[in-house]
């Protein structure tokens, strides 16, 4: 019996990745990274995209227990249809890339689509379990490097306003190892990473899982190396107007997570905020 949903397909592929041949690994990576594209590719399109024979594509699909290539595309199309209700009011941002478009209008179109697709992909059970973990763990550790460091900083800052013991990890000062050393069983560890994935983030995330922390991945697609080590995963769309990828979806997600944690903690969050306000007044932080 083959997988009956795209999510089940993702789980099966991650389970089999270490044992796949090179050509099947290329196909698996493409399925994980671009289900939307595969949903409407012909078998020849996919074979050409990863430089394999069409017969290899068929063997790959049937080896997963699917009814050939049509069975693979059906799972990808089913995934798209689940998102359609929320997304249909947004024009595909990619179609905005033609000469004469106003740069501000293009940016708005991309970011509207990014936010909508990101929120549409969130599983309610995953959301609830993540908020509960972030609210109740003894300590929360957050790691994100290079471009997504700003996302990690924002999440750690917002969480730190509504709960104690939130730590932003950074290797910039050579202290990543010391930060990882403080991870304990029952803690919560959040990693943020998009392609190209930073090695230290992936290694730190895996180490935190092995140390017994609840692991939460904020990443860009199911092919991310964070996914196999994550207890809870959120996929964020990052399409941008040009070569630069947008972080708007990440900002929306981390703000929503912080608000969810504040609501989960209730009076405890209000008490934490009250102490912070008293300190801000005491030190005259604001004019």
Protein backbone atom coordinates (compact mmCIF):
# COMPACT_ATOMS: atom_id res chain seq x y z
CA UNK A 1 0.00 0.00 0.00
CA UNK A 2 1.49 3.30 -1.09
CA UNK A 3 1.15 6.72 0.60
CA UNK A 4 -2.33 8.25 0.39
CA UNK A 5 -1.34 11.90 0.91
CA UNK A 6 1.56 14.19 0.11
CA UNK A 7 2.45 14.33 3.81
CA UNK A 8 2.66 10.53 3.91
CA UNK A 9 4.79 10.62 0.76
CA UNK A 10 7.19 13.10 2.42
CA UNK A 11 7.51 10.85 5.47
CA UNK A 12 8.21 7.81 3.28
CA UNK A 13 10.82 9.64 1.22
CA UNK A 14 12.67 10.89 4.30
CA UNK A 15 12.67 7.33 5.63
CA UNK A 16 14.15 5.95 2.42
CA UNK A 17 16.52 8.77 1.44
CA UNK A 18 19.70 7.15 2.85
CA UNK A 19 19.16 4.02 0.75
CA UNK A 20 18.10 5.57 -2.57
CA UNK A 21 20.24 5.35 -5.69
CA UNK A 22 21.65 8.61 -7.06
CA UNK A 23 18.95 8.97 -9.73
CA UNK A 24 16.13 8.17 -7.30
CA UNK A 25 17.65 10.60 -4.77
CA UNK A 26 17.53 13.36 -7.41
CA UNK A 27 13.87 12.59 -8.04
CA UNK A 28 13.09 12.48 -4.31
CA UNK A 29 14.77 15.84 -3.74
CA UNK A 30 12.71 17.36 -6.55
CA UNK A 31 9.45 15.94 -5.17
CA UNK A 32 10.24 17.30 -1.70
CA UNK A 33 11.33 20.73 -2.93
CA UNK A 34 8.78 21.41 -5.70
CA UNK A 35 5.47 19.55 -5.35
CA UNK A 36 3.65 22.45 -7.02
CA UNK A 37 5.81 22.12 -10.13
CA UNK A 38 5.55 18.34 -10.31
CA UNK A 39 1.77 18.52 -10.01
CA UNK A 40 1.65 19.81 -13.60
CA UNK A 41 4.82 18.32 -15.13
CA UNK A 42 4.67 15.57 -17.70
CA UNK A 43 6.84 12.56 -17.05
CA UNK A 44 9.19 13.86 -19.75
CA UNK A 45 9.39 17.25 -18.05
CA UNK A 46 10.44 15.72 -14.74
CA UNK A 47 12.89 13.29 -16.34
CA UNK A 48 14.51 16.17 -18.22
CA UNK A 49 14.60 18.42 -15.17
CA UNK A 50 16.72 15.98 -13.16
CA UNK A 51 18.49 14.37 -16.15
CA UNK A 52 17.20 10.80 -15.85
CA UNK A 53 15.26 8.47 -18.16
CA UNK A 54 11.46 8.37 -18.14
CA UNK A 55 11.64 4.69 -17.19
CA UNK A 56 13.59 5.71 -14.07
CA UNK A 57 10.76 8.04 -13.08
CA UNK A 58 8.25 5.22 -13.46
CA UNK A 59 10.38 2.84 -11.36
CA UNK A 60 10.78 5.54 -8.72
CA UNK A 61 7.01 6.06 -8.45
CA UNK A 62 6.08 2.38 -8.45
CA UNK A 63 8.81 1.66 -5.91
CA UNK A 64 6.97 3.98 -3.54
CA UNK A 65 3.82 1.91 -3.93
CA UNK A 66 2.14 4.42 -6.27
CA UNK A 67 0.27 3.66 -9.49
CA UNK A 68 3.05 4.92 -11.71
CA UNK A 69 3.79 8.56 -12.42
CA UNK A 70 0.08 9.57 -12.42
CA UNK A 71 -0.10 8.41 -8.80
CA UNK A 72 2.76 10.72 -7.91
CA UNK A 73 1.29 13.76 -9.62
CA UNK A 74 -2.11 13.08 -8.01
CA UNK A 75 -0.64 13.40 -4.51
CA UNK A 76 1.04 16.67 -5.50
CA UNK A 77 -2.21 18.00 -6.99
CA UNK A 78 -4.18 16.96 -3.91
CA UNK A 79 -1.73 19.00 -1.83
CA UNK A 80 -2.39 22.05 -3.99
CA UNK A 81 -6.16 21.65 -3.77
CA UNK A 82 -5.98 21.65 0.03
CA UNK A 83 -4.38 25.09 -0.11
CA UNK A 84 -6.62 26.48 -2.83
CA UNK A 85 -9.44 27.88 -0.69
CA UNK A 86 -7.21 30.39 1.08
CA UNK A 87 -4.94 31.10 -1.87
CA UNK A 88 -7.40 31.63 -4.71
CA UNK A 89 -7.90 35.30 -3.90
CA UNK A 90 -4.22 35.93 -4.55
CA UNK A 91 -2.79 36.06 -8.06
CA UNK A 92 0.31 33.94 -8.45
CA UNK A 93 3.12 36.34 -7.67
CA UNK A 94 5.34 34.80 -10.31
CA UNK A 95 2.98 36.12 -12.97
CA UNK A 96 3.71 39.64 -11.80
CA UNK A 97 7.23 39.53 -13.21
CA UNK A 98 6.77 41.36 -16.50
CA UNK A 99 8.18 44.62 -17.75
CA UNK A 100 6.55 47.79 -16.53
CA UNK A 101 5.29 46.47 -13.18
CA UNK A 102 5.67 48.91 -10.33
CA UNK A 103 8.31 47.54 -7.90
CA UNK A 104 6.11 48.27 -4.89
CA UNK A 105 3.15 46.47 -6.45
CA UNK A 106 5.37 43.50 -7.29
CA UNK A 107 6.69 43.32 -3.74
CA UNK A 108 3.18 43.51 -2.33
CA UNK A 109 1.95 40.75 -4.65
CA UNK A 110 4.82 38.43 -3.76
CA UNK A 111 4.52 39.00 -0.03
CA UNK A 112 0.73 38.58 -0.01
CA UNK A 113 1.18 35.23 -1.73
CA UNK A 114 4.04 34.23 0.59
CA UNK A 115 2.02 34.93 3.73
CA UNK A 116 -1.10 33.23 2.39
CA UNK A 117 0.73 30.08 1.31
CA UNK A 118 2.68 29.92 4.57
CA UNK A 119 -0.44 30.15 6.72
CA UNK A 120 -2.37 27.74 4.51
CA UNK A 121 0.20 25.02 5.12
CA UNK A 122 0.00 25.10 8.91
CA UNK A 123 -1.51 21.96 10.41
CA UNK A 124 -3.69 22.85 13.45
CA UNK A 125 -2.30 19.99 15.54
CA UNK A 126 1.27 21.03 14.73
CA UNK A 127 0.43 24.61 15.67
CA UNK A 128 -1.08 23.65 19.02
CA UNK A 129 1.78 21.31 19.94
CA UNK A 130 4.36 23.93 19.00
CA UNK A 131 2.76 26.73 21.00
CA UNK A 132 2.44 24.40 24.00
CA UNK A 133 6.12 23.44 23.72
CA UNK A 134 7.30 27.04 23.39
CA UNK A 135 5.14 28.12 26.32
CA UNK A 136 5.97 25.29 28.70
CA UNK A 137 9.57 24.24 28.05
CA UNK A 138 12.10 25.08 30.79
CA UNK A 139 14.23 26.92 28.23
CA UNK A 140 13.87 27.89 24.56
CA UNK A 141 16.92 28.03 22.29
CA UNK A 142 16.71 29.74 18.88
CA UNK A 143 19.24 29.36 16.06
CA UNK A 144 19.27 31.04 12.64
CA UNK A 145 22.32 32.25 10.70
CA UNK A 146 23.18 34.67 7.91
CA UNK A 147 20.05 36.03 6.21
CA UNK A 148 17.58 34.36 8.58
CA UNK A 149 19.46 35.52 11.70
CA UNK A 150 17.05 38.46 11.74
CA UNK A 151 14.13 36.02 11.95
CA UNK A 152 15.77 34.12 14.81
CA UNK A 153 16.48 37.38 16.63
CA UNK A 154 12.87 38.55 16.24
CA UNK A 155 11.48 35.25 17.53
CA UNK A 156 13.80 35.17 20.53
CA UNK A 157 13.06 38.83 21.30
CA UNK A 158 9.29 38.40 21.14
CA UNK A 159 9.31 35.16 23.13
CA UNK A 160 11.55 36.81 25.70
CA UNK A 161 8.88 39.44 26.29
CA UNK A 162 6.29 36.86 27.36
CA UNK A 163 8.42 34.19 29.04
CA UNK A 164 11.80 33.79 30.73
CA UNK A 165 14.76 31.65 29.66
CA UNK A 166 14.88 32.31 25.92
CA UNK A 167 18.34 32.16 24.36
CA UNK A 168 19.47 33.26 20.90
CA UNK A 169 22.43 31.15 19.77
CA UNK A 170 25.12 32.55 17.52
CA UNK A 171 28.53 31.24 16.37
CA UNK A 172 29.68 34.78 15.52
CA UNK A 173 31.54 35.08 18.82
CA UNK A 174 32.57 31.43 18.92
CA UNK A 175 29.96 30.54 21.54
CA UNK A 176 27.69 28.16 19.61
CA UNK A 177 29.16 25.12 21.35
CA UNK A 178 28.69 26.73 24.77
CA UNK A 179 25.08 27.49 23.86
CA UNK A 180 24.42 23.93 22.75
CA UNK A 181 25.95 22.65 25.96
CA UNK A 182 23.09 24.27 27.89
CA UNK A 183 20.41 22.34 25.96
CA UNK A 184 18.64 19.89 28.27
CA UNK A 185 15.98 17.19 27.79
CA UNK A 186 12.56 18.86 27.72
CA UNK A 187 13.90 22.17 26.38
CA UNK A 188 12.61 23.57 23.10
CA UNK A 189 15.02 24.20 20.22
CA UNK A 190 13.96 26.28 17.20
CA UNK A 191 16.06 26.38 14.02
CA UNK A 192 15.48 28.71 11.08
CA UNK A 193 17.07 27.89 7.72
CA UNK A 194 16.40 28.28 4.01
CA UNK A 195 18.31 27.12 0.95
CA UNK A 196 21.33 27.24 0.94
CA UNK A 197 21.26 25.59 4.34
CA UNK A 198 23.98 26.57 6.81
CA UNK A 199 25.90 23.54 8.07
CA UNK A 200 26.13 24.80 11.67
CA UNK A 201 22.36 25.24 11.87
CA UNK A 202 21.72 21.69 10.64
CA UNK A 203 24.35 20.22 12.96
CA UNK A 204 23.14 22.20 15.97
CA UNK A 205 19.54 21.18 15.33
CA UNK A 206 20.48 17.50 15.13
CA UNK A 207 22.53 17.78 18.30
CA UNK A 208 19.58 19.35 20.15
CA UNK A 209 17.30 16.51 19.04
CA UNK A 210 19.78 13.94 20.29
CA UNK A 211 20.03 15.85 23.58
CA UNK A 212 16.30 15.36 24.14
CA UNK A 213 14.95 18.78 23.20
CA UNK A 214 11.66 19.30 21.37
CA UNK A 215 12.79 20.46 17.93
CA UNK A 216 10.92 22.99 15.80
CA UNK A 217 12.00 23.75 12.21
CA UNK A 218 11.09 26.94 10.35
CA UNK A 219 12.23 26.26 6.79
CA UNK A 220 11.33 26.58 3.14
CA UNK A 221 10.43 23.12 1.82
CA UNK A 222 10.16 19.45 2.65
CA UNK A 223 13.60 18.78 1.20
CA UNK A 224 15.24 20.87 3.92
CA UNK A 225 17.86 18.95 5.95
CA UNK A 226 16.14 20.18 9.12
CA UNK A 227 12.98 18.16 8.45
CA UNK A 228 14.21 14.66 9.44
CA UNK A 229 15.24 15.93 12.89
CA UNK A 230 12.15 18.07 13.56
CA UNK A 231 9.30 17.21 15.92
CA UNK A 232 7.30 20.07 14.38
CA UNK A 233 7.90 21.72 11.00
CA UNK A 234 6.59 24.93 9.43
CA UNK A 235 7.13 25.63 5.73
CA UNK A 236 7.52 29.29 4.79
CA UNK A 237 7.29 30.69 1.25
CA UNK A 238 10.12 33.08 0.41
CA UNK A 239 9.57 34.08 -3.24
CA UNK A 240 10.94 37.54 -3.99
CA UNK A 241 10.76 40.13 -6.74
CA UNK A 242 14.31 39.46 -7.95
CA UNK A 243 17.23 37.42 -6.64
CA UNK A 244 16.61 38.33 -3.00
CA UNK A 245 14.25 36.05 -1.09
CA UNK A 246 11.48 37.54 1.01
CA UNK A 247 11.32 37.04 4.79
CA UNK A 248 7.81 38.44 5.17
CA UNK A 249 6.27 35.00 5.64
CA UNK A 250 8.76 34.27 8.42
CA UNK A 251 7.98 37.56 10.17
CA UNK A 252 4.26 36.82 10.08
CA UNK A 253 4.79 33.30 11.39
CA UNK A 254 7.07 34.19 14.31
CA UNK A 255 4.81 37.04 15.41
CA UNK A 256 1.86 34.66 15.38
CA UNK A 257 3.84 32.09 17.37
CA UNK A 258 4.80 34.68 19.99
CA UNK A 259 1.18 35.80 20.29
CA UNK A 260 0.11 32.19 20.63
CA UNK A 261 2.62 31.64 23.43
CA UNK A 262 1.43 34.80 25.21
CA UNK A 263 -2.16 33.57 25.06
CA UNK A 264 -1.12 30.09 26.25
CA UNK A 265 0.77 31.49 29.25
CA UNK A 266 -2.00 33.92 30.20
CA UNK A 267 -1.33 35.59 33.56
CA UNK A 268 2.29 34.41 33.55
CA UNK A 269 2.90 36.29 30.28
CA UNK A 270 1.27 39.43 31.67
CA UNK A 271 3.48 39.22 34.76
CA UNK A 272 6.61 38.90 32.60
CA UNK A 273 5.56 41.90 30.52
CA UNK A 274 4.87 43.87 33.69
CA UNK A 275 8.38 43.27 35.02
CA UNK A 276 9.87 44.34 31.69
CA UNK A 277 7.83 47.55 31.62
CA UNK A 278 9.00 48.38 35.16
CA UNK A 279 12.63 47.89 34.13
CA UNK A 280 12.19 50.00 31.00
CA UNK A 281 10.79 52.83 33.14
CA UNK A 282 13.50 52.42 35.77
CA UNK A 283 16.29 52.75 33.24
CA UNK A 284 14.59 55.43 31.13
CA UNK A 285 14.97 53.41 27.96
CA UNK A 286 12.42 55.42 25.95
CA UNK A 287 12.13 59.16 25.49
